[in-house]
Protein backbone atom coordinates (compact mmCIF):
# COMPACT_ATOMS: atom_id res chain seq x y z
CA UNK A 1 63.20 20.83 24.99
CA UNK A 2 64.86 17.87 26.68
CA UNK A 3 63.16 14.57 27.38
CA UNK A 4 62.50 15.37 31.05
CA UNK A 5 60.72 18.60 30.09
CA UNK A 6 58.67 16.65 27.60
CA UNK A 7 57.65 14.20 30.35
CA UNK A 8 56.81 17.10 32.65
CA UNK A 9 54.51 18.55 30.01
CA UNK A 10 52.83 15.20 29.53
CA UNK A 11 52.30 14.89 33.27
CA UNK A 12 50.75 18.36 33.36
CA UNK A 13 48.41 17.43 30.48
CA UNK A 14 47.55 14.25 32.35
CA UNK A 15 46.61 16.28 35.41
CA UNK A 16 44.19 18.25 33.21
CA UNK A 17 42.82 15.09 31.57
CA UNK A 18 44.07 16.42 28.22
CA UNK A 19 46.31 13.53 27.11
CA UNK A 20 45.65 11.63 23.91
CA UNK A 21 45.69 7.84 23.94
CA UNK A 22 49.21 7.80 22.45
CA UNK A 23 50.45 10.23 25.16
CA UNK A 24 48.91 8.11 27.90
CA UNK A 25 50.64 5.04 26.57
CA UNK A 26 53.95 6.97 26.45
CA UNK A 27 53.56 8.07 30.08
CA UNK A 28 52.72 4.57 31.24
CA UNK A 29 55.72 3.12 29.42
CA UNK A 30 58.01 5.83 30.88
CA UNK A 31 56.74 5.16 34.38
CA UNK A 32 57.44 1.43 34.12
CA UNK A 33 60.93 2.06 32.74
CA UNK A 34 61.69 4.42 35.63
CA UNK A 35 60.61 1.81 38.13
CA UNK A 36 62.64 -0.93 36.47
CA UNK A 37 65.78 1.28 36.42
CA UNK A 38 65.43 2.17 40.08
CA UNK A 39 65.16 5.85 39.21
CA UNK A 40 61.59 6.71 39.95
CA UNK A 41 60.29 10.13 39.17
CA UNK A 42 60.12 12.45 42.17
CA UNK A 43 56.56 12.30 43.53
CA UNK A 44 55.36 13.95 46.66
CA UNK A 45 54.70 10.48 48.15
CA UNK A 46 54.20 6.89 47.15
CA UNK A 47 50.43 7.23 47.25
CA UNK A 48 50.62 9.96 44.61
CA UNK A 49 52.78 7.72 42.42
CA UNK A 50 50.39 4.76 42.78
CA UNK A 51 47.43 7.01 42.11
CA UNK A 52 49.03 8.31 38.94
CA UNK A 53 49.85 4.83 37.73
CA UNK A 54 46.36 3.60 38.55
CA UNK A 55 44.74 6.50 36.75
CA UNK A 56 47.00 5.99 33.77
CA UNK A 57 46.06 2.33 33.56
CA UNK A 58 42.37 3.23 33.71
CA UNK A 59 42.82 5.93 31.11
CA UNK A 60 44.73 3.71 28.69
CA UNK A 61 42.76 0.53 29.06
CA UNK A 62 39.48 2.34 29.67
CA UNK A 63 39.83 4.10 26.32
CA UNK A 64 40.71 0.84 24.61
CA UNK A 65 37.89 -0.92 26.44
CA UNK A 66 35.39 1.75 25.45
CA UNK A 67 36.37 1.38 21.83
CA UNK A 68 36.09 -2.40 22.14
CA UNK A 69 32.70 -2.14 23.81
CA UNK A 70 31.58 0.26 21.09
CA UNK A 71 32.63 -2.30 18.50
CA UNK A 72 30.68 -4.96 20.42
CA UNK A 73 27.60 -2.73 20.53
CA UNK A 74 27.92 -1.94 16.83
CA UNK A 75 28.24 -5.64 15.99
CA UNK A 76 25.24 -6.48 18.18
CA UNK A 77 23.21 -3.71 16.54
CA UNK A 78 24.15 -5.00 13.10
CA UNK A 79 23.08 -8.53 14.05
CA UNK A 80 19.83 -7.17 15.48
CA UNK A 81 19.11 -5.26 12.28
CA UNK A 82 19.77 -8.34 10.17
CA UNK A 83 17.55 -10.49 12.42
CA UNK A 84 14.74 -7.93 12.33
CA UNK A 85 15.05 -7.64 8.56
CA UNK A 86 14.86 -11.41 8.18
CA UNK A 87 11.92 -11.60 10.58
CA UNK A 88 10.09 -8.91 8.61
CA UNK A 89 10.92 -10.60 5.32
CA UNK A 90 9.46 -13.93 6.43
CA UNK A 91 6.44 -12.51 8.32
CA UNK A 92 5.52 -9.46 6.23
CA UNK A 93 2.03 -9.44 4.66
CA UNK A 94 2.10 -10.77 1.12
CA UNK A 95 0.22 -9.22 -1.78
CA UNK A 96 -2.65 -11.28 -3.20
CA UNK A 97 -3.98 -10.53 -6.70
CA UNK A 98 -7.28 -11.94 -7.97
CA UNK A 99 -8.14 -11.39 -11.63
CA UNK A 100 -10.89 -12.36 -14.08
CA UNK A 101 -10.03 -12.73 -17.76
CA UNK A 102 -12.12 -11.04 -20.50
CA UNK A 103 -15.44 -12.86 -20.82
CA UNK A 104 -14.91 -14.74 -17.54
CA UNK A 105 -16.12 -14.46 -13.95
CA UNK A 106 -14.06 -15.15 -10.85
CA UNK A 107 -15.24 -15.94 -7.32
CA UNK A 108 -12.93 -15.68 -4.32
CA UNK A 109 -13.45 -16.42 -0.62
CA UNK A 110 -11.51 -13.79 1.33
CA UNK A 111 -9.55 -14.60 4.53
CA UNK A 112 -12.20 -12.97 6.75
CA UNK A 113 -14.99 -15.17 5.35
CA UNK A 114 -16.36 -12.52 2.96
CA UNK A 115 -16.87 -13.31 -0.73
CA UNK A 116 -15.99 -11.30 -3.83
CA UNK A 117 -17.13 -11.92 -7.40
CA UNK A 118 -15.18 -10.33 -10.24
CA UNK A 119 -16.84 -9.41 -13.53
CA UNK A 120 -15.09 -9.56 -16.91
CA UNK A 121 -11.50 -8.29 -17.03
CA UNK A 122 -11.50 -7.17 -13.37
CA UNK A 123 -8.72 -7.13 -10.77
CA UNK A 124 -8.69 -6.81 -6.97
CA UNK A 125 -5.68 -6.74 -4.65
CA UNK A 126 -5.46 -7.40 -0.91
CA UNK A 127 -2.85 -8.56 1.64
CA UNK A 128 -2.46 -11.79 3.57
CA UNK A 129 -3.24 -10.05 6.90
CA UNK A 130 -6.67 -9.19 5.53
CA UNK A 131 -8.63 -10.61 8.49
CA UNK A 132 -7.22 -7.91 10.78
CA UNK A 133 -7.00 -5.16 8.13
CA UNK A 134 -9.98 -5.55 5.82
CA UNK A 135 -8.80 -3.30 3.01
CA UNK A 136 -9.10 -4.38 -0.62
CA UNK A 137 -8.40 -2.42 -3.80
CA UNK A 138 -10.43 -2.69 -6.98
CA UNK A 139 -7.79 -1.88 -9.58
CA UNK A 140 -9.89 -2.55 -12.64
CA UNK A 141 -13.42 -3.48 -13.66
CA UNK A 142 -16.33 -4.44 -11.40
CA UNK A 143 -16.71 -6.48 -8.22
CA UNK A 144 -19.62 -7.59 -6.06
CA UNK A 145 -18.98 -8.13 -2.35
CA UNK A 146 -20.85 -10.11 0.28
CA UNK A 147 -19.20 -8.92 3.49
CA UNK A 148 -19.12 -10.95 6.69
CA UNK A 149 -20.11 -8.84 9.68
CA UNK A 150 -17.25 -7.75 11.93
CA UNK A 151 -17.96 -4.56 13.87
CA UNK A 152 -14.35 -4.32 15.08
CA UNK A 153 -12.88 -4.40 11.56
CA UNK A 154 -14.64 -2.26 8.94
CA UNK A 155 -14.42 -3.55 5.36
CA UNK A 156 -13.11 -0.96 2.88
CA UNK A 157 -12.92 -1.12 -0.91
CA UNK A 158 -10.65 1.45 -2.53
CA UNK A 159 -11.13 2.32 -6.18
CA UNK A 160 -9.61 5.23 -8.05
CA UNK A 161 -9.27 7.34 -4.89
CA UNK A 162 -12.82 6.57 -3.70
CA UNK A 163 -13.32 4.42 -0.56
CA UNK A 164 -16.43 2.38 0.22
CA UNK A 165 -16.64 1.30 3.87
CA UNK A 166 -19.08 -1.20 5.40
CA UNK A 167 -19.29 -3.49 8.42
CA UNK A 168 -21.47 -6.23 6.94
CA UNK A 169 -23.49 -5.89 3.75
CA UNK A 170 -23.62 -6.70 0.02
CA UNK A 171 -22.82 -4.18 -2.67
CA UNK A 172 -20.99 -3.67 -5.96
CA UNK A 173 -18.23 -1.28 -6.99
CA UNK A 174 -17.52 -0.52 -10.63
CA UNK A 175 -14.79 1.53 -12.31
CA UNK A 176 -15.03 3.05 -15.78
CA UNK A 177 -11.41 3.19 -16.91
CA UNK A 178 -12.05 5.63 -19.75
CA UNK A 179 -13.38 8.38 -17.49
CA UNK A 180 -12.33 7.44 -13.95
CA UNK A 181 -16.00 7.20 -12.94
CA UNK A 182 -16.85 5.01 -9.94
CA UNK A 183 -20.29 3.47 -9.31
CA UNK A 184 -21.39 1.94 -6.00
CA UNK A 185 -24.71 0.04 -5.82
CA UNK A 186 -26.11 -1.39 -2.57
CA UNK A 187 -28.18 -4.57 -2.28
CA UNK A 188 -28.31 -5.02 1.52
CA UNK A 189 -27.06 -3.09 4.54
CA UNK A 190 -25.60 0.41 4.75
CA UNK A 191 -22.60 1.76 2.87
CA UNK A 192 -20.45 4.86 3.43
CA UNK A 193 -18.70 6.25 0.35
CA UNK A 194 -15.95 8.79 0.93
CA UNK A 195 -12.92 10.37 -0.70
CA UNK A 196 -10.23 10.82 1.94
CA UNK A 197 -11.99 12.88 4.65
CA UNK A 198 -14.90 14.01 2.44
CA UNK A 199 -18.15 12.04 2.63
CA UNK A 200 -19.65 11.48 -0.83
CA UNK A 201 -22.74 9.61 0.29
CA UNK A 202 -24.39 7.27 2.77
CA UNK A 203 -26.26 4.58 0.83
CA UNK A 204 -29.14 2.27 1.71
CA UNK A 205 -30.42 -0.80 -0.20
CA UNK A 206 -31.57 0.08 -3.71
CA UNK A 207 -29.43 3.21 -3.89
CA UNK A 208 -26.52 3.92 -6.21
CA UNK A 209 -23.77 6.52 -6.12
CA UNK A 210 -21.89 7.79 -9.16
CA UNK A 211 -18.62 9.61 -8.65
CA UNK A 212 -17.55 11.67 -11.67
CA UNK A 213 -13.81 12.13 -11.46
CA UNK A 214 -13.52 14.85 -14.08
CA UNK A 215 -16.06 17.05 -12.28
CA UNK A 216 -15.07 15.78 -8.80
CA UNK A 217 -18.75 15.43 -7.94
CA UNK A 218 -21.03 12.62 -6.78
CA UNK A 219 -24.73 12.04 -7.18
CA UNK A 220 -27.07 9.46 -5.67
CA UNK A 221 -30.06 7.86 -7.37
CA UNK A 222 -32.02 4.62 -7.20
CA UNK A 223 -30.99 1.41 -8.94
CA UNK A 224 -32.52 -1.99 -9.44
CA UNK A 225 -30.83 -4.91 -7.68
CA UNK A 226 -29.96 -6.50 -11.01
CA UNK A 227 -27.47 -3.79 -11.88
CA UNK A 228 -25.34 -4.73 -8.87
CA UNK A 229 -25.22 -8.49 -9.26
CA UNK A 230 -27.29 -9.81 -12.20
CA UNK A 231 -24.05 -10.57 -14.05
CA UNK A 232 -23.21 -13.18 -11.39
CA UNK A 233 -26.28 -15.16 -12.47
CA UNK A 234 -25.64 -14.91 -16.21
CA UNK A 235 -27.43 -11.68 -17.11
CA UNK A 236 -26.28 -8.22 -18.10
CA UNK A 237 -28.21 -5.31 -16.69
CA UNK A 238 -27.23 -1.73 -17.48
CA UNK A 239 -29.50 0.99 -16.11
CA UNK A 240 -28.93 4.58 -17.22
CA UNK A 241 -25.45 3.57 -18.44
CA UNK A 242 -23.35 6.17 -20.19
CA UNK A 243 -21.87 5.52 -23.61
CA UNK A 244 -18.44 5.21 -21.97
CA UNK A 245 -19.83 2.49 -19.69
CA UNK A 246 -21.23 0.60 -22.67
CA UNK A 247 -17.86 0.91 -24.42
CA UNK A 248 -16.11 -0.41 -21.31
CA UNK A 249 -18.43 -3.42 -21.20
CA UNK A 250 -17.85 -4.20 -24.89
CA UNK A 251 -14.10 -4.14 -24.31
CA UNK A 252 -14.18 -6.18 -21.09
CA UNK A 253 -16.72 -8.82 -22.10
CA UNK A 254 -15.82 -9.37 -25.76
CA UNK A 255 -12.13 -8.42 -25.63
CA UNK A 256 -12.45 -5.98 -28.53
CA UNK A 257 -11.17 -2.47 -29.16
CA UNK A 258 -13.73 0.33 -29.26
CA UNK A 259 -13.29 3.53 -31.27
CA UNK A 260 -15.72 6.36 -30.53
CA UNK A 261 -16.26 9.19 -32.99
CA UNK A 262 -19.25 10.57 -31.06
CA UNK A 263 -17.40 11.81 -27.99
CA UNK A 264 -19.88 14.63 -27.41
CA UNK A 265 -22.84 12.26 -26.89
CA UNK A 266 -24.14 12.34 -23.28
CA UNK A 267 -27.18 10.08 -23.46
CA UNK A 268 -27.83 6.99 -21.31
CA UNK A 269 -28.49 3.36 -22.23
CA UNK A 270 -30.81 0.81 -20.68
CA UNK A 271 -29.74 -2.70 -21.62
CA UNK A 272 -30.68 -6.14 -20.32
CA UNK A 273 -29.37 -9.24 -22.12
CA UNK A 274 -28.09 -12.74 -21.40
CA UNK A 275 -24.41 -13.07 -20.66
CA UNK A 276 -23.78 -15.49 -23.50
CA UNK A 277 -25.15 -13.14 -26.15
CA UNK A 278 -23.00 -12.79 -29.28
CA UNK A 279 -21.17 -9.59 -30.15
CA UNK A 280 -23.07 -9.33 -33.45
CA UNK A 281 -26.39 -9.46 -31.60
CA UNK A 282 -25.22 -6.79 -29.11
CA UNK A 283 -24.24 -4.50 -32.00
CA UNK A 284 -27.72 -4.96 -33.52
CA UNK A 285 -29.44 -4.09 -30.22
CA UNK A 286 -27.21 -1.06 -29.64
CA UNK A 287 -28.04 0.24 -33.11
CA UNK A 288 -31.76 -0.03 -32.29
CA UNK A 289 -31.25 1.85 -29.01
CA UNK A 290 -29.12 4.52 -30.64
CA UNK A 291 -31.27 5.10 -33.69
CA UNK A 292 -33.18 7.99 -32.08
CA UNK A 293 -29.88 9.83 -31.56
CA UNK A 294 -28.47 8.71 -34.93
CA UNK A 295 -25.64 6.73 -33.33
CA UNK A 296 -24.42 3.71 -35.25
CA UNK A 297 -22.28 0.80 -34.04
CA UNK A 298 -20.36 -1.31 -36.55
CA UNK A 299 -17.94 -4.21 -36.19
CA UNK A 300 -14.67 -4.30 -38.13
CA UNK A 301 -12.62 -7.39 -37.29
CA UNK A 302 -11.87 -6.92 -33.54
CA UNK A 303 -12.88 -3.27 -33.39
CA UNK A 304 -16.28 -1.76 -32.65
CA UNK A 305 -16.66 1.62 -34.34
CA UNK A 306 -19.16 4.20 -33.00
CA UNK A 307 -20.22 6.94 -35.43
């Protein structure tokens, strides 16, 4: 194939819009050389020649321009992504952790004006946008809430998969780490307790709900106000507390280990003492309460043994 035949084939491909960018550049260069040499290719008329040259320019520089514009768009998109990432980084809600050490209480005013008290060795977590999204998680221990009324923004406490939702009330939520049990006690107002879409109970003042994780069941009974918040005022009040709940309290309040050799015991304890009571005195009282079931508590260094 001679050069002229090659050009003819390129021109035919051009007519069918099938030329690559390199072929378009070759045709444009050939056309300019022909004009400069005074030996133009034989076109049907000058308009056809000008049309071809114009289309070739558009094809060549249009392709280049498209690629350049694509690069501009890509660069702009990259800048936009970076800017959005930076904006999110500097404006994203921050995580706030409030914790009470063993044997200590902690009081915190929340961003919406509500108040939370944390009992011994307890932890709650919420985010800095709390006023508009009143969700708080009780990760450990026990907390008492006095919730500021806001009908547009329900107040929800999440604890071990159980959610307690209110609009303005006072109540306590308690987790028993050893069993996954959750207890909700209401002092004022109305409280809805649910697990995902399942309603566990609708509580009124003086009512308490116990969620038993191992059985995945909940039961509602009555409770004295002191069980919900007596510890805020320096008292300990346990009503119908399980042995696991007593063990949890010993660990949280006195920062001791507890070893239980009576795992099959299912009885309840009723205990009311001052917060500043000594561990030795608590052990003596527990032995009196457990004598009818032949349960004995003993203290060995920093370990309470239950036999």
